[in-house]
Amino acid sequence: MATKRELSAGTRCLLEYTRSLRPLLRTDEERHWLEEYEDSVVFFREHFTSMVRDHAGKYVALLGAMVVDSDEDELALAKRVHDKFGDRPICMPFAGTRAGPPKRMGGPRPPRDGLRQAHRAEG
């Protein structure tokens, strides 16, 4: 049996955000779906080691404490799961670590050495 882990700051933040949505929900069904999503987030965190072992390199679709599907292609998985379970929130985290360099985010590029030296000479 997996041991309970302390939730990471990111997981706690996600759960706090989903809880803030509760007043906006109109039906008991929507509230149930949100609770099920929160349960899925906690379940994934508590069973992360076994998820990586069983579904390494894949996205895992969770409904509560149940794995309903997994796939390397997140969009294909989302389509299958939503076709089967309808338009509802479904937790689909990635099981594993992402290989390769991080994706570059937009923003200013640092100046090259030659430009830095030119700026120093001017200043």
Protein backbone atom coordinates (compact mmCIF):
# COMPACT_ATOMS: atom_id res chain seq x y z
CA MET A 1 0.00 0.00 0.00
CA ALA A 2 1.29 3.45 -0.85
CA THR A 3 2.26 5.69 2.00
CA LYS A 4 0.57 9.07 2.28
CA ARG A 5 2.77 11.96 1.26
CA GLU A 6 2.49 15.59 2.10
CA LEU A 7 0.91 17.42 -0.81
CA SER A 8 3.22 19.64 -2.80
CA ALA A 9 2.69 23.39 -2.93
CA GLY A 10 1.45 23.07 -6.52
CA THR A 11 -1.09 20.41 -5.57
CA ARG A 12 -2.29 22.43 -2.58
CA CYS A 13 -2.64 25.49 -4.85
CA LEU A 14 -4.65 23.52 -7.42
CA LEU A 15 -6.97 22.14 -4.73
CA GLU A 16 -7.45 25.59 -3.22
CA TYR A 17 -8.36 26.92 -6.68
CA THR A 18 -10.89 24.16 -7.33
CA ARG A 19 -12.45 24.76 -3.91
CA SER A 20 -12.83 28.44 -4.75
CA LEU A 21 -15.06 27.39 -7.68
CA ARG A 22 -17.67 25.71 -5.47
CA PRO A 23 -19.88 28.80 -5.04
CA LEU A 24 -20.14 29.06 -8.84
CA LEU A 25 -21.49 25.54 -9.29
CA ARG A 26 -25.21 25.32 -9.92
CA THR A 27 -26.07 21.65 -9.53
CA ASP A 28 -25.27 18.77 -7.20
CA GLU A 29 -23.86 16.93 -10.21
CA GLU A 30 -21.35 19.74 -10.87
CA ARG A 31 -20.36 19.75 -7.17
CA HIS A 32 -19.88 15.97 -7.30
CA TRP A 33 -17.67 16.28 -10.38
CA LEU A 34 -15.50 18.88 -8.66
CA GLU A 35 -15.12 16.70 -5.54
CA GLU A 36 -14.24 13.74 -7.76
CA TYR A 37 -11.62 15.85 -9.56
CA GLU A 38 -10.08 16.89 -6.23
CA ASP A 39 -10.03 13.23 -5.12
CA SER A 40 -8.25 12.36 -8.38
CA VAL A 41 -5.55 14.96 -7.77
CA VAL A 42 -4.89 13.65 -4.26
CA PHE A 43 -5.01 10.01 -5.42
CA PHE A 44 -2.43 10.66 -8.14
CA ARG A 45 -0.10 12.37 -5.69
CA GLU A 46 -0.44 9.59 -3.10
CA HIS A 47 0.11 6.85 -5.70
CA PHE A 48 2.65 8.64 -7.89
CA THR A 49 5.28 5.88 -7.68
CA SER A 50 2.89 3.16 -8.82
CA MET A 51 1.46 5.44 -11.52
CA VAL A 52 4.93 5.99 -12.97
CA ARG A 53 5.67 2.27 -12.76
CA ASP A 54 2.42 1.26 -14.49
CA HIS A 55 1.96 4.20 -16.90
CA ALA A 56 5.44 5.65 -17.44
CA GLY A 57 5.54 8.41 -20.03
CA LYS A 58 1.76 8.54 -20.42
CA TYR A 59 -1.10 10.78 -19.41
CA VAL A 60 -3.41 9.02 -16.98
CA ALA A 61 -7.16 9.70 -16.91
CA LEU A 62 -8.51 9.48 -13.37
CA LEU A 63 -12.05 9.59 -12.05
CA GLY A 64 -11.78 9.70 -8.28
CA ALA A 65 -9.49 6.89 -7.21
CA MET A 66 -9.87 4.94 -10.46
CA VAL A 67 -7.64 4.92 -13.55
CA VAL A 68 -10.01 4.84 -16.52
CA ASP A 69 -7.49 5.13 -19.39
CA SER A 70 -3.97 6.24 -20.31
CA ASP A 71 -2.15 7.32 -23.46
CA GLU A 72 1.05 9.02 -24.62
CA ASP A 73 -1.10 11.45 -26.65
CA GLU A 74 -2.94 13.78 -24.28
CA LEU A 75 -5.46 14.98 -26.89
CA ALA A 76 -6.34 11.45 -28.03
CA LEU A 77 -6.83 10.44 -24.39
CA ALA A 78 -9.02 13.48 -23.69
CA LYS A 79 -11.20 12.74 -26.71
CA ARG A 80 -11.68 9.07 -25.75
CA VAL A 81 -12.42 9.82 -22.12
CA HIS A 82 -14.82 12.68 -22.86
CA ASP A 83 -16.59 10.56 -25.50
CA LYS A 84 -17.08 7.84 -22.88
CA PHE A 85 -17.83 9.92 -19.75
CA GLY A 86 -19.25 13.14 -21.18
CA ASP A 87 -18.31 16.77 -20.79
CA ARG A 88 -17.04 16.86 -17.22
CA PRO A 89 -13.76 17.65 -15.47
CA ILE A 90 -11.37 14.73 -15.69
CA CYS A 91 -7.92 14.75 -14.10
CA MET A 92 -5.28 13.72 -16.67
CA PRO A 93 -1.79 14.18 -15.16
CA PHE A 94 1.45 13.02 -16.77
CA ALA A 95 3.00 9.94 -15.12
CA GLY A 96 6.72 10.53 -15.01
CA THR A 97 9.20 13.26 -15.62
CA ARG A 98 9.51 15.10 -18.85
CA ALA A 99 12.77 14.46 -20.67
CA GLY A 100 14.66 17.06 -22.61
CA PRO A 101 15.27 20.75 -22.13
CA PRO A 102 12.44 22.93 -20.84
CA LYS A 103 10.41 24.73 -23.45
CA ARG A 104 11.53 28.28 -24.08
CA MET A 105 9.10 30.86 -22.86
CA GLY A 106 8.63 34.14 -24.70
CA GLY A 107 10.38 37.23 -23.47
CA PRO A 108 13.45 39.35 -24.08
CA ARG A 109 16.61 37.56 -25.10
CA PRO A 110 19.77 38.27 -23.14
CA PRO A 111 22.32 40.25 -25.14
CA ARG A 112 25.23 38.37 -26.69
CA ASP A 113 28.73 38.98 -25.30
CA GLY A 114 29.64 41.35 -28.13
CA LEU A 115 26.61 43.51 -27.43
CA ARG A 116 27.35 43.52 -23.68
CA GLN A 117 30.87 44.76 -24.36
CA ALA A 118 29.54 47.49 -26.66
CA HIS A 119 27.09 48.62 -23.97
CA ARG A 120 29.88 48.73 -21.39
CA ALA A 121 32.06 50.84 -23.71
CA GLU A 122 29.21 53.32 -24.28
CA GLY A 123 28.33 53.61 -20.60
